[in-house]
Amino acid sequence: MDAKSPQAKIDATGHSHAPRRPSREEAEAAVRTLIAWAGDDPAREGLIDTPKRVAKAFGEFYRGYHEDAAETLDRVFDEAGGYDDIVLVRDIPFFSHCEHHMVPFIGKAHIAYYPKGGVVGLSKLARVVDIFARRLQMQERLTNQIAQAVDKGLAPRGVAVMVEAEHHCVSMRGAHKSGVSTITTSFTGIFHKEAAERARFLALVQGR
């Protein structure tokens, strides 16, 4: 599936079909319906422009559907002076929305890799996090997508990713437990094969 396309469905012939994207007017009408379903009047003064605001906000929240991580990582710098040790970008802030309730989860990502032939601009790694976070997500998938994108884009000796987040679907509804943190990891290459390298990555992340 193209990273720029909406979630596609695969038919029996193996072809993918992206769902039709509703118009802006249809999106705003859907918001009015939800306001009414919640028990308020979408026509009252304070809510008249809310559908427009929500549609605009959704465009920002979910812009990752229209961005490509591969393009972000397409420039590798070879002027690293032969550096081949671990590169770690720690505490990358992000927010996303869980695909089950469309409620935010907010946290930090940590990305490390062992270069092989070049390095990438550090801000590009933060950009990759943002691209995948600004979609309807599960934290487990988000973690894996970041790792796989960096692994494919840089072809390093290994990639390590840790994501820490608080899910508001736990704190605002259901269990109503605030302050609960969820941690997920994904490893490729040398980090996947060698426990000592995973331990080094975890020690560097935790050594604030």
N, C-alpha and C. Protein backbone atom coordinates (compact mmCIF):
# COMPACT_ATOMS: atom_id res chain seq x y z
N MET A 1 0.84 -1.21 0.00
CA MET A 1 0.00 0.00 0.00
C MET A 1 0.87 1.25 0.00
N ASP A 2 0.57 2.18 -0.85
CA ASP A 2 1.28 3.45 -0.90
C ASP A 2 1.07 4.21 0.39
N ALA A 3 2.17 4.71 0.97
CA ALA A 3 2.08 5.42 2.25
C ALA A 3 1.22 6.67 2.14
N LYS A 4 1.02 7.16 0.90
CA LYS A 4 0.24 8.38 0.74
C LYS A 4 -1.26 8.09 0.61
N SER A 5 -1.63 6.84 0.45
CA SER A 5 -3.02 6.49 0.20
C SER A 5 -3.75 6.18 1.48
N PRO A 6 -5.09 6.35 1.50
CA PRO A 6 -5.88 5.89 2.63
C PRO A 6 -5.76 4.38 2.75
N GLN A 7 -6.20 3.86 3.89
CA GLN A 7 -6.15 2.42 4.10
C GLN A 7 -6.88 1.72 2.96
N ALA A 8 -6.19 0.80 2.29
CA ALA A 8 -6.75 0.15 1.12
C ALA A 8 -7.28 -1.23 1.46
N LYS A 9 -8.26 -1.69 0.68
CA LYS A 9 -8.77 -3.04 0.79
C LYS A 9 -8.27 -3.86 -0.39
N ILE A 10 -7.95 -5.12 -0.15
CA ILE A 10 -7.46 -6.00 -1.20
C ILE A 10 -8.59 -6.93 -1.63
N ASP A 11 -8.90 -6.94 -2.92
CA ASP A 11 -9.98 -7.81 -3.38
C ASP A 11 -9.43 -9.19 -3.74
N ALA A 12 -10.31 -10.06 -4.27
CA ALA A 12 -9.92 -11.44 -4.56
C ALA A 12 -8.87 -11.54 -5.66
N THR A 13 -8.74 -10.53 -6.50
CA THR A 13 -7.75 -10.54 -7.57
C THR A 13 -6.40 -9.98 -7.13
N GLY A 14 -6.34 -9.52 -5.89
CA GLY A 14 -5.08 -8.98 -5.39
C GLY A 14 -4.92 -7.50 -5.61
N HIS A 15 -5.93 -6.84 -6.18
CA HIS A 15 -5.85 -5.40 -6.42
C HIS A 15 -6.34 -4.64 -5.19
N SER A 16 -5.71 -3.50 -4.95
CA SER A 16 -6.10 -2.68 -3.80
C SER A 16 -7.05 -1.59 -4.25
N HIS A 17 -8.01 -1.28 -3.38
CA HIS A 17 -8.99 -0.24 -3.68
C HIS A 17 -9.10 0.68 -2.47
N ALA A 18 -8.59 1.89 -2.61
CA ALA A 18 -8.70 2.85 -1.52
C ALA A 18 -10.14 3.33 -1.44
N PRO A 19 -10.68 3.49 -0.23
CA PRO A 19 -12.05 3.97 -0.11
C PRO A 19 -12.17 5.41 -0.60
N ARG A 20 -13.34 5.76 -1.11
CA ARG A 20 -13.56 7.12 -1.57
C ARG A 20 -13.44 8.08 -0.40
N ARG A 21 -12.69 9.15 -0.60
CA ARG A 21 -12.56 10.15 0.46
C ARG A 21 -13.77 11.07 0.42
N PRO A 22 -14.51 11.16 1.54
CA PRO A 22 -15.69 12.04 1.56
C PRO A 22 -15.29 13.50 1.32
N SER A 23 -16.25 14.28 0.87
CA SER A 23 -16.01 15.71 0.67
C SER A 23 -15.94 16.42 2.02
N ARG A 24 -15.45 17.65 1.98
CA ARG A 24 -15.39 18.47 3.19
C ARG A 24 -16.80 18.67 3.74
N GLU A 25 -17.76 18.87 2.85
CA GLU A 25 -19.14 19.08 3.28
C GLU A 25 -19.70 17.84 3.97
N GLU A 26 -19.38 16.66 3.46
CA GLU A 26 -19.84 15.42 4.08
C GLU A 26 -19.21 15.23 5.46
N ALA A 27 -17.94 15.59 5.58
CA ALA A 27 -17.27 15.49 6.87
C ALA A 27 -17.92 16.42 7.90
N GLU A 28 -18.21 17.64 7.48
CA GLU A 28 -18.84 18.59 8.39
C GLU A 28 -20.24 18.13 8.79
N ALA A 29 -20.98 17.52 7.86
CA ALA A 29 -22.30 16.99 8.18
C ALA A 29 -22.21 15.87 9.20
N ALA A 30 -21.17 15.05 9.09
CA ALA A 30 -20.97 13.96 10.05
C ALA A 30 -20.71 14.51 11.45
N VAL A 31 -19.97 15.60 11.53
CA VAL A 31 -19.71 16.21 12.83
C VAL A 31 -21.00 16.74 13.44
N ARG A 32 -21.82 17.37 12.62
CA ARG A 32 -23.12 17.86 13.12
C ARG A 32 -23.97 16.71 13.66
N THR A 33 -23.93 15.58 12.97
CA THR A 33 -24.68 14.41 13.43
C THR A 33 -24.17 13.94 14.79
N LEU A 34 -22.86 13.90 14.97
CA LEU A 34 -22.29 13.46 16.25
C LEU A 34 -22.62 14.43 17.38
N ILE A 35 -22.62 15.72 17.07
CA ILE A 35 -22.99 16.71 18.09
C ILE A 35 -24.43 16.47 18.55
N ALA A 36 -25.31 16.26 17.58
CA ALA A 36 -26.70 16.00 17.92
C ALA A 36 -26.85 14.69 18.68
N TRP A 37 -26.10 13.66 18.29
CA TRP A 37 -26.17 12.37 18.97
C TRP A 37 -25.68 12.49 20.42
N ALA A 38 -24.70 13.37 20.64
CA ALA A 38 -24.20 13.59 22.01
C ALA A 38 -25.22 14.29 22.89
N GLY A 39 -26.19 14.97 22.27
CA GLY A 39 -27.25 15.59 23.04
C GLY A 39 -27.30 17.09 22.96
N ASP A 40 -26.50 17.68 22.08
CA ASP A 40 -26.49 19.14 21.97
C ASP A 40 -27.10 19.55 20.63
N ASP A 41 -27.23 20.85 20.45
CA ASP A 41 -27.85 21.41 19.25
C ASP A 41 -26.76 21.97 18.34
N PRO A 42 -26.48 21.33 17.21
CA PRO A 42 -25.42 21.82 16.33
C PRO A 42 -25.72 23.20 15.73
N ALA A 43 -26.95 23.66 15.87
CA ALA A 43 -27.32 24.96 15.32
C ALA A 43 -27.16 26.09 16.32
N ARG A 44 -26.84 25.77 17.59
CA ARG A 44 -26.69 26.87 18.55
C ARG A 44 -25.40 27.63 18.27
N GLU A 45 -25.36 28.88 18.77
CA GLU A 45 -24.31 29.82 18.38
C GLU A 45 -22.90 29.26 18.59
N GLY A 46 -22.68 28.66 19.74
CA GLY A 46 -21.32 28.20 20.06
C GLY A 46 -20.86 27.02 19.24
N LEU A 47 -21.79 26.33 18.55
CA LEU A 47 -21.46 25.12 17.80
C LEU A 47 -21.61 25.27 16.29
N ILE A 48 -22.07 26.41 15.83
CA ILE A 48 -22.33 26.58 14.40
C ILE A 48 -21.07 26.32 13.57
N ASP A 49 -19.93 26.85 14.01
CA ASP A 49 -18.69 26.71 13.23
C ASP A 49 -17.85 25.51 13.67
N THR A 50 -18.34 24.75 14.65
CA THR A 50 -17.56 23.61 15.14
C THR A 50 -17.30 22.56 14.06
N PRO A 51 -18.26 22.19 13.21
CA PRO A 51 -17.96 21.22 12.16
C PRO A 51 -16.80 21.64 11.26
N LYS A 52 -16.74 22.92 10.90
CA LYS A 52 -15.64 23.39 10.07
C LYS A 52 -14.31 23.27 10.81
N ARG A 53 -14.33 23.63 12.11
CA ARG A 53 -13.10 23.56 12.90
C ARG A 53 -12.63 22.11 13.05
N VAL A 54 -13.60 21.21 13.29
CA VAL A 54 -13.24 19.80 13.47
C VAL A 54 -12.65 19.22 12.18
N ALA A 55 -13.27 19.53 11.05
CA ALA A 55 -12.76 19.03 9.77
C ALA A 55 -11.34 19.54 9.52
N LYS A 56 -11.11 20.82 9.84
CA LYS A 56 -9.77 21.37 9.67
C LYS A 56 -8.78 20.70 10.63
N ALA A 57 -9.20 20.48 11.86
CA ALA A 57 -8.34 19.82 12.83
C ALA A 57 -8.01 18.39 12.40
N PHE A 58 -9.00 17.68 11.85
CA PHE A 58 -8.75 16.32 11.38
C PHE A 58 -7.70 16.30 10.28
N GLY A 59 -7.73 17.32 9.42
CA GLY A 59 -6.73 17.42 8.38
C GLY A 59 -5.32 17.50 8.95
N GLU A 60 -5.20 18.17 10.10
CA GLU A 60 -3.89 18.28 10.76
C GLU A 60 -3.56 17.01 11.56
N PHE A 61 -4.55 16.49 12.30
CA PHE A 61 -4.32 15.30 13.10
C PHE A 61 -3.85 14.12 12.26
N TYR A 62 -4.44 13.99 11.06
CA TYR A 62 -4.24 12.78 10.27
C TYR A 62 -3.51 13.04 8.95
N ARG A 63 -2.68 14.06 8.94
CA ARG A 63 -1.96 14.38 7.70
C ARG A 63 -0.94 13.32 7.33
N GLY A 64 -0.61 12.43 8.26
CA GLY A 64 0.36 11.38 7.96
C GLY A 64 -0.08 10.45 6.85
N TYR A 65 -1.39 10.36 6.60
CA TYR A 65 -1.87 9.53 5.50
C TYR A 65 -1.40 10.04 4.14
N HIS A 66 -1.04 11.31 4.08
CA HIS A 66 -0.68 11.93 2.81
C HIS A 66 0.81 12.25 2.75
N GLU A 67 1.59 11.63 3.64
CA GLU A 67 3.04 11.85 3.67
C GLU A 67 3.75 10.50 3.57
N ASP A 68 4.97 10.52 3.07
CA ASP A 68 5.71 9.30 2.77
C ASP A 68 7.03 9.29 3.54
N ALA A 69 7.18 8.30 4.42
CA ALA A 69 8.41 8.20 5.22
C ALA A 69 9.63 7.95 4.33
N ALA A 70 9.44 7.21 3.23
CA ALA A 70 10.56 6.92 2.34
C ALA A 70 11.15 8.20 1.75
N GLU A 71 10.30 9.15 1.40
CA GLU A 71 10.79 10.42 0.87
C GLU A 71 11.54 11.20 1.93
N THR A 72 11.11 11.08 3.18
CA THR A 72 11.78 11.79 4.28
C THR A 72 13.20 11.26 4.49
N LEU A 73 13.40 9.98 4.25
CA LEU A 73 14.70 9.35 4.51
C LEU A 73 15.52 9.13 3.25
N ASP A 74 15.19 9.85 2.17
CA ASP A 74 15.84 9.56 0.89
C ASP A 74 17.21 10.22 0.74
N ARG A 75 17.63 11.02 1.72
CA ARG A 75 18.94 11.66 1.63
C ARG A 75 19.81 11.21 2.79
N VAL A 76 20.87 10.48 2.49
CA VAL A 76 21.81 9.99 3.49
C VAL A 76 23.13 10.73 3.30
N PHE A 77 23.71 11.15 4.42
CA PHE A 77 24.99 11.88 4.38
C PHE A 77 26.15 10.91 4.57
N ASP A 78 27.11 10.99 3.65
CA ASP A 78 28.28 10.11 3.72
C ASP A 78 29.47 10.78 4.41
N GLU A 79 29.28 12.04 4.87
CA GLU A 79 30.39 12.78 5.47
C GLU A 79 30.44 12.61 6.98
N ALA A 80 30.26 11.38 7.44
CA ALA A 80 30.25 11.14 8.89
C ALA A 80 31.62 10.74 9.42
N GLY A 81 32.65 10.86 8.59
CA GLY A 81 34.01 10.59 9.05
C GLY A 81 34.23 9.15 9.46
N GLY A 82 33.51 8.23 8.85
CA GLY A 82 33.68 6.83 9.17
C GLY A 82 32.99 6.40 10.44
N TYR A 83 32.14 7.25 11.00
CA TYR A 83 31.44 6.91 12.24
C TYR A 83 30.53 5.70 12.01
N ASP A 84 30.68 4.69 12.87
CA ASP A 84 29.88 3.48 12.71
C ASP A 84 29.32 2.97 14.04
N ASP A 85 29.33 3.82 15.08
CA ASP A 85 28.78 3.42 16.38
C ASP A 85 27.30 3.82 16.43
N ILE A 86 26.69 3.55 17.54
CA ILE A 86 25.25 3.77 17.68
C ILE A 86 24.90 5.26 17.57
N VAL A 87 23.79 5.55 16.90
CA VAL A 87 23.21 6.88 16.84
C VAL A 87 21.84 6.78 17.51
N LEU A 88 21.63 7.59 18.53
CA LEU A 88 20.37 7.54 19.27
C LEU A 88 19.73 8.92 19.33
N VAL A 89 18.47 9.00 18.92
CA VAL A 89 17.68 10.21 19.11
C VAL A 89 16.62 9.86 20.14
N ARG A 90 16.67 10.53 21.26
CA ARG A 90 15.86 10.17 22.42
C ARG A 90 14.80 11.22 22.70
N ASP A 91 13.69 10.77 23.29
CA ASP A 91 12.64 11.67 23.76
C ASP A 91 12.01 12.49 22.65
N ILE A 92 11.65 11.84 21.55
CA ILE A 92 10.94 12.51 20.47
C ILE A 92 9.46 12.57 20.84
N PRO A 93 8.92 13.75 21.11
CA PRO A 93 7.51 13.82 21.52
C PRO A 93 6.58 13.57 20.34
N PHE A 94 5.44 12.96 20.62
CA PHE A 94 4.45 12.74 19.57
C PHE A 94 3.06 12.65 20.21
N PHE A 95 2.05 12.82 19.38
CA PHE A 95 0.69 12.45 19.77
C PHE A 95 0.07 11.70 18.61
N SER A 96 -0.81 10.78 18.95
CA SER A 96 -1.53 10.02 17.94
C SER A 96 -2.94 9.81 18.44
N HIS A 97 -3.74 9.07 17.68
CA HIS A 97 -5.11 8.75 18.07
C HIS A 97 -5.32 7.25 17.91
N CYS A 98 -5.83 6.61 18.95
CA CYS A 98 -6.06 5.18 18.87
C CYS A 98 -7.19 4.89 17.89
N GLU A 99 -7.03 3.82 17.13
CA GLU A 99 -8.01 3.52 16.09
C GLU A 99 -9.30 2.92 16.64
N HIS A 100 -9.31 2.56 17.92
CA HIS A 100 -10.50 1.94 18.49
C HIS A 100 -11.52 2.97 18.99
N HIS A 101 -11.03 4.09 19.54
CA HIS A 101 -11.94 5.09 20.09
C HIS A 101 -11.68 6.49 19.54
N MET A 102 -10.63 6.64 18.70
CA MET A 102 -10.23 7.94 18.17
C MET A 102 -9.96 8.93 19.29
N VAL A 103 -9.36 8.42 20.37
CA VAL A 103 -8.96 9.23 21.52
C VAL A 103 -7.44 9.33 21.50
N PRO A 104 -6.86 10.46 21.90
CA PRO A 104 -5.41 10.62 21.80
C PRO A 104 -4.62 9.65 22.69
N PHE A 105 -3.44 9.30 22.21
CA PHE A 105 -2.40 8.79 23.10
C PHE A 105 -1.14 9.58 22.82
N ILE A 106 -0.46 9.94 23.90
CA ILE A 106 0.62 10.92 23.84
C ILE A 106 1.86 10.34 24.51
N GLY A 107 3.01 10.56 23.92
CA GLY A 107 4.22 10.02 24.53
C GLY A 107 5.50 10.46 23.86
N LYS A 108 6.51 9.59 23.97
CA LYS A 108 7.84 9.86 23.40
C LYS A 108 8.35 8.61 22.70
N ALA A 109 9.11 8.84 21.64
CA ALA A 109 9.75 7.75 20.91
C ALA A 109 11.26 7.89 21.01
N HIS A 110 11.95 6.77 21.05
CA HIS A 110 13.41 6.73 21.07
C HIS A 110 13.85 5.85 19.90
N ILE A 111 14.74 6.37 19.06
CA ILE A 111 15.18 5.64 17.87
C ILE A 111 16.71 5.58 17.86
N ALA A 112 17.24 4.37 17.64
CA ALA A 112 18.68 4.19 17.51
C ALA A 112 18.97 3.34 16.28
N TYR A 113 20.13 3.58 15.68
CA TYR A 113 20.57 2.73 14.57
C TYR A 113 22.09 2.70 14.51
N TYR A 114 22.61 1.65 13.91
CA TYR A 114 24.04 1.52 13.64
C TYR A 114 24.26 1.83 12.17
N PRO A 115 24.94 2.93 11.84
CA PRO A 115 25.11 3.31 10.43
C PRO A 115 25.91 2.26 9.66
N LYS A 116 25.61 2.20 8.39
CA LYS A 116 26.40 1.38 7.46
C LYS A 116 26.49 2.16 6.16
N GLY A 117 27.53 2.99 6.07
CA GLY A 117 27.74 3.75 4.85
C GLY A 117 27.21 5.16 4.85
N GLY A 118 26.52 5.58 5.91
CA GLY A 118 26.03 6.95 5.95
C GLY A 118 25.06 7.16 7.09
N VAL A 119 24.78 8.43 7.36
CA VAL A 119 23.84 8.79 8.43
C VAL A 119 22.77 9.71 7.83
N VAL A 120 21.70 9.86 8.57
CA VAL A 120 20.60 10.71 8.12
C VAL A 120 20.48 11.91 9.06
N GLY A 121 19.96 13.01 8.55
CA GLY A 121 19.74 14.17 9.40
C GLY A 121 18.86 13.80 10.59
N LEU A 122 19.24 14.23 11.78
CA LEU A 122 18.54 13.78 12.99
C LEU A 122 17.07 14.20 13.00
N SER A 123 16.78 15.35 12.43
CA SER A 123 15.38 15.79 12.40
C SER A 123 14.52 14.88 11.54
N LYS A 124 15.14 14.15 10.61
CA LYS A 124 14.38 13.25 9.74
C LYS A 124 13.77 12.10 10.54
N LEU A 125 14.48 11.64 11.58
CA LEU A 125 13.94 10.57 12.40
C LEU A 125 12.71 11.04 13.17
N ALA A 126 12.78 12.27 13.67
CA ALA A 126 11.61 12.84 14.34
C ALA A 126 10.45 12.99 13.36
N ARG A 127 10.77 13.30 12.12
CA ARG A 127 9.74 13.45 11.10
C ARG A 127 9.06 12.12 10.80
N VAL A 128 9.83 11.05 10.78
CA VAL A 128 9.26 9.72 10.54
C VAL A 128 8.26 9.37 11.64
N VAL A 129 8.61 9.67 12.88
CA VAL A 129 7.69 9.43 13.99
C VAL A 129 6.39 10.17 13.75
N ASP A 130 6.48 11.42 13.35
CA ASP A 130 5.30 12.25 13.14
C ASP A 130 4.42 11.71 12.01
N ILE A 131 5.05 11.24 10.94
CA ILE A 131 4.30 10.74 9.79
C ILE A 131 3.41 9.57 10.19
N PHE A 132 3.95 8.63 10.94
CA PHE A 132 3.17 7.45 11.31
C PHE A 132 2.24 7.73 12.50
N ALA A 133 2.62 8.65 13.37
CA ALA A 133 1.77 8.97 14.51
C ALA A 133 0.51 9.71 14.08
N ARG A 134 0.61 10.49 13.02
CA ARG A 134 -0.56 11.27 12.58
C ARG A 134 -1.45 10.45 11.65
N ARG A 135 -1.81 9.28 12.17
CA ARG A 135 -2.77 8.38 11.54
C ARG A 135 -3.53 7.70 12.67
N LEU A 136 -4.65 7.07 12.37
CA LEU A 136 -5.29 6.24 13.37
C LEU A 136 -4.38 5.05 13.62
N GLN A 137 -4.06 4.79 14.89
CA GLN A 137 -2.97 3.87 15.18
C GLN A 137 -3.26 2.94 16.35
N MET A 138 -2.45 1.88 16.39
CA MET A 138 -2.20 1.11 17.60
C MET A 138 -0.73 1.35 17.94
N GLN A 139 -0.41 1.45 19.21
CA GLN A 139 0.98 1.74 19.58
C GLN A 139 1.93 0.67 19.08
N GLU A 140 1.48 -0.58 19.10
CA GLU A 140 2.33 -1.67 18.63
C GLU A 140 2.68 -1.50 17.15
N ARG A 141 1.67 -1.16 16.33
CA ARG A 141 1.92 -0.97 14.92
C ARG A 141 2.80 0.25 14.68
N LEU A 142 2.53 1.32 15.39
CA LEU A 142 3.33 2.54 15.26
C LEU A 142 4.81 2.25 15.49
N THR A 143 5.10 1.51 16.55
CA THR A 143 6.49 1.18 16.89
C THR A 143 7.15 0.41 15.76
N ASN A 144 6.44 -0.58 15.25
CA ASN A 144 7.00 -1.41 14.18
C ASN A 144 7.15 -0.63 12.88
N GLN A 145 6.19 0.23 12.57
CA GLN A 145 6.28 1.01 11.33
C GLN A 145 7.50 1.94 11.35
N ILE A 146 7.76 2.56 12.48
CA ILE A 146 8.93 3.43 12.58
C ILE A 146 10.20 2.64 12.35
N ALA A 147 10.32 1.49 13.02
CA ALA A 147 11.52 0.66 12.89
C ALA A 147 11.71 0.19 11.45
N GLN A 148 10.64 -0.28 10.82
CA GLN A 148 10.75 -0.81 9.46
C GLN A 148 11.08 0.29 8.46
N ALA A 149 10.53 1.49 8.66
CA ALA A 149 10.82 2.61 7.75
C ALA A 149 12.28 3.02 7.83
N VAL A 150 12.83 3.10 9.05
CA VAL A 150 14.24 3.47 9.21
C VAL A 150 15.13 2.37 8.66
N ASP A 151 14.76 1.13 8.91
CA ASP A 151 15.56 0.00 8.41
C ASP A 151 15.59 -0.01 6.89
N LYS A 152 14.44 0.21 6.27
CA LYS A 152 14.37 0.22 4.81
C LYS A 152 15.05 1.44 4.21
N GLY A 153 14.87 2.60 4.84
CA GLY A 153 15.40 3.83 4.28
C GLY A 153 16.90 3.98 4.40
N LEU A 154 17.48 3.47 5.49
CA LEU A 154 18.91 3.66 5.74
C LEU A 154 19.74 2.40 5.50
N ALA A 155 19.09 1.23 5.50
CA ALA A 155 19.80 -0.04 5.40
C ALA A 155 20.97 -0.09 6.39
N PRO A 156 20.73 0.18 7.67
CA PRO A 156 21.80 0.18 8.66
C PRO A 156 22.08 -1.25 9.13
N ARG A 157 23.02 -1.38 10.06
CA ARG A 157 23.30 -2.70 10.63
C ARG A 157 22.23 -3.11 11.63
N GLY A 158 21.42 -2.18 12.07
CA GLY A 158 20.34 -2.50 12.98
C GLY A 158 19.61 -1.26 13.42
N VAL A 159 18.33 -1.43 13.78
CA VAL A 159 17.48 -0.34 14.26
C VAL A 159 16.81 -0.78 15.56
N ALA A 160 16.71 0.15 16.50
CA ALA A 160 16.00 -0.09 17.75
C ALA A 160 15.03 1.06 17.98
N VAL A 161 13.80 0.73 18.35
CA VAL A 161 12.78 1.74 18.61
C VAL A 161 12.06 1.39 19.91
N MET A 162 11.90 2.38 20.77
CA MET A 162 11.05 2.25 21.95
C MET A 162 10.05 3.39 21.94
N VAL A 163 8.80 3.06 22.23
CA VAL A 163 7.75 4.07 22.33
C VAL A 163 7.10 3.96 23.70
N GLU A 164 7.00 5.09 24.38
CA GLU A 164 6.34 5.17 25.68
C GLU A 164 5.16 6.12 25.53
N ALA A 165 3.98 5.71 25.97
CA ALA A 165 2.82 6.58 25.78
C ALA A 165 1.76 6.35 26.84
N GLU A 166 0.98 7.40 27.09
CA GLU A 166 -0.21 7.30 27.93
C GLU A 166 -1.43 7.39 27.02
N HIS A 167 -2.33 6.42 27.18
CA HIS A 167 -3.50 6.32 26.32
C HIS A 167 -4.72 6.92 27.04
N HIS A 168 -5.31 7.92 26.41
CA HIS A 168 -6.45 8.57 27.03
C HIS A 168 -7.72 7.73 26.96
N CYS A 169 -7.70 6.67 26.14
CA CYS A 169 -8.83 5.75 26.16
C CYS A 169 -8.83 4.93 27.44
N VAL A 170 -7.70 4.93 28.16
CA VAL A 170 -7.62 4.28 29.47
C VAL A 170 -7.93 5.28 30.58
N SER A 171 -7.45 6.51 30.43
CA SER A 171 -7.62 7.50 31.49
C SER A 171 -8.97 8.22 31.43
N MET A 172 -9.54 8.39 30.23
CA MET A 172 -10.77 9.16 30.07
C MET A 172 -12.04 8.31 30.03
N ARG A 173 -11.91 7.03 29.75
CA ARG A 173 -13.06 6.15 29.61
C ARG A 173 -12.65 4.76 30.13
N GLY A 174 -13.61 3.85 30.11
CA GLY A 174 -13.29 2.48 30.48
C GLY A 174 -12.76 2.35 31.89
N ALA A 175 -11.46 2.05 32.02
CA ALA A 175 -10.85 1.84 33.34
C ALA A 175 -10.71 3.13 34.14
N HIS A 176 -10.65 4.28 33.47
CA HIS A 176 -10.48 5.58 34.12
C HIS A 176 -9.25 5.59 35.03
N LYS A 177 -8.14 5.13 34.50
CA LYS A 177 -6.88 5.09 35.24
C LYS A 177 -5.88 6.01 34.57
N SER A 178 -5.58 7.14 35.21
CA SER A 178 -4.62 8.09 34.65
C SER A 178 -3.20 7.74 35.08
N GLY A 179 -2.24 8.19 34.30
CA GLY A 179 -0.84 7.97 34.63
C GLY A 179 -0.31 6.60 34.25
N VAL A 180 -1.11 5.80 33.56
CA VAL A 180 -0.68 4.47 33.14
C VAL A 180 0.15 4.60 31.87
N SER A 181 1.35 4.02 31.87
CA SER A 181 2.25 4.12 30.73
C SER A 181 2.36 2.78 30.02
N THR A 182 2.36 2.83 28.69
CA THR A 182 2.54 1.63 27.88
C THR A 182 3.85 1.76 27.12
N ILE A 183 4.68 0.69 27.14
CA ILE A 183 5.97 0.69 26.48
C ILE A 183 6.00 -0.42 25.44
N THR A 184 6.42 -0.08 24.23
CA THR A 184 6.57 -1.06 23.16
C THR A 184 7.95 -0.88 22.52
N THR A 185 8.50 -1.97 21.98
CA THR A 185 9.82 -1.94 21.35
C THR A 185 9.79 -2.70 20.03
N SER A 186 10.72 -2.37 19.16
CA SER A 186 10.91 -3.09 17.92
C SER A 186 12.39 -3.05 17.56
N PHE A 187 12.95 -4.19 17.16
CA PHE A 187 14.38 -4.30 16.87
C PHE A 187 14.61 -4.99 15.54
N THR A 188 15.60 -4.52 14.81
CA THR A 188 16.02 -5.18 13.58
C THR A 188 17.53 -5.37 13.62
N GLY A 189 18.04 -6.22 12.73
CA GLY A 189 19.48 -6.39 12.57
C GLY A 189 20.20 -6.77 13.84
N ILE A 190 21.29 -6.07 14.14
CA ILE A 190 22.14 -6.40 15.27
C ILE A 190 21.39 -6.28 16.60
N PHE A 191 20.43 -5.36 16.68
CA PHE A 191 19.65 -5.22 17.91
C PHE A 191 18.74 -6.43 18.11
N HIS A 192 18.24 -6.99 17.03
CA HIS A 192 17.38 -8.16 17.13
C HIS A 192 18.19 -9.41 17.48
N LYS A 193 19.40 -9.50 16.94
CA LYS A 193 20.21 -10.71 17.09
C LYS A 193 20.97 -10.76 18.41
N GLU A 194 21.38 -9.62 18.94
CA GLU A 194 22.29 -9.61 20.07
C GLU A 194 21.67 -8.94 21.29
N ALA A 195 21.52 -9.71 22.35
CA ALA A 195 20.92 -9.21 23.59
C ALA A 195 21.75 -8.07 24.18
N ALA A 196 23.05 -8.12 24.01
CA ALA A 196 23.92 -7.07 24.57
C ALA A 196 23.64 -5.72 23.92
N GLU A 197 23.33 -5.74 22.63
CA GLU A 197 23.03 -4.48 21.94
C GLU A 197 21.67 -3.94 22.37
N ARG A 198 20.71 -4.83 22.58
CA ARG A 198 19.41 -4.37 23.10
C ARG A 198 19.60 -3.76 24.48
N ALA A 199 20.42 -4.40 25.30
CA ALA A 199 20.66 -3.90 26.66
C ALA A 199 21.35 -2.54 26.61
N ARG A 200 22.28 -2.36 25.67
CA ARG A 200 22.96 -1.07 25.54
C ARG A 200 21.96 0.03 25.15
N PHE A 201 21.11 -0.28 24.19
CA PHE A 201 20.09 0.68 23.77
C PHE A 201 19.19 1.07 24.94
N LEU A 202 18.70 0.10 25.69
CA LEU A 202 17.82 0.37 26.81
C LEU A 202 18.53 1.19 27.88
N ALA A 203 19.81 0.89 28.12
CA ALA A 203 20.57 1.64 29.11
C ALA A 203 20.74 3.09 28.68
N LEU A 204 20.99 3.32 27.39
CA LEU A 204 21.15 4.69 26.91
C LEU A 204 19.84 5.46 26.98
N VAL A 205 18.73 4.79 26.65
CA VAL A 205 17.42 5.44 26.74
C VAL A 205 17.09 5.80 28.17
N GLN A 206 17.37 4.91 29.09
CA GLN A 206 16.99 5.11 30.49
C GLN A 206 18.00 5.97 31.26
N GLY A 207 19.15 6.23 30.67
CA GLY A 207 20.19 7.00 31.37
C GLY A 207 20.01 8.47 31.21
N ARG A 208 18.84 8.99 31.55
CA ARG A 208 18.55 10.42 31.38
C ARG A 208 19.35 11.24 32.37
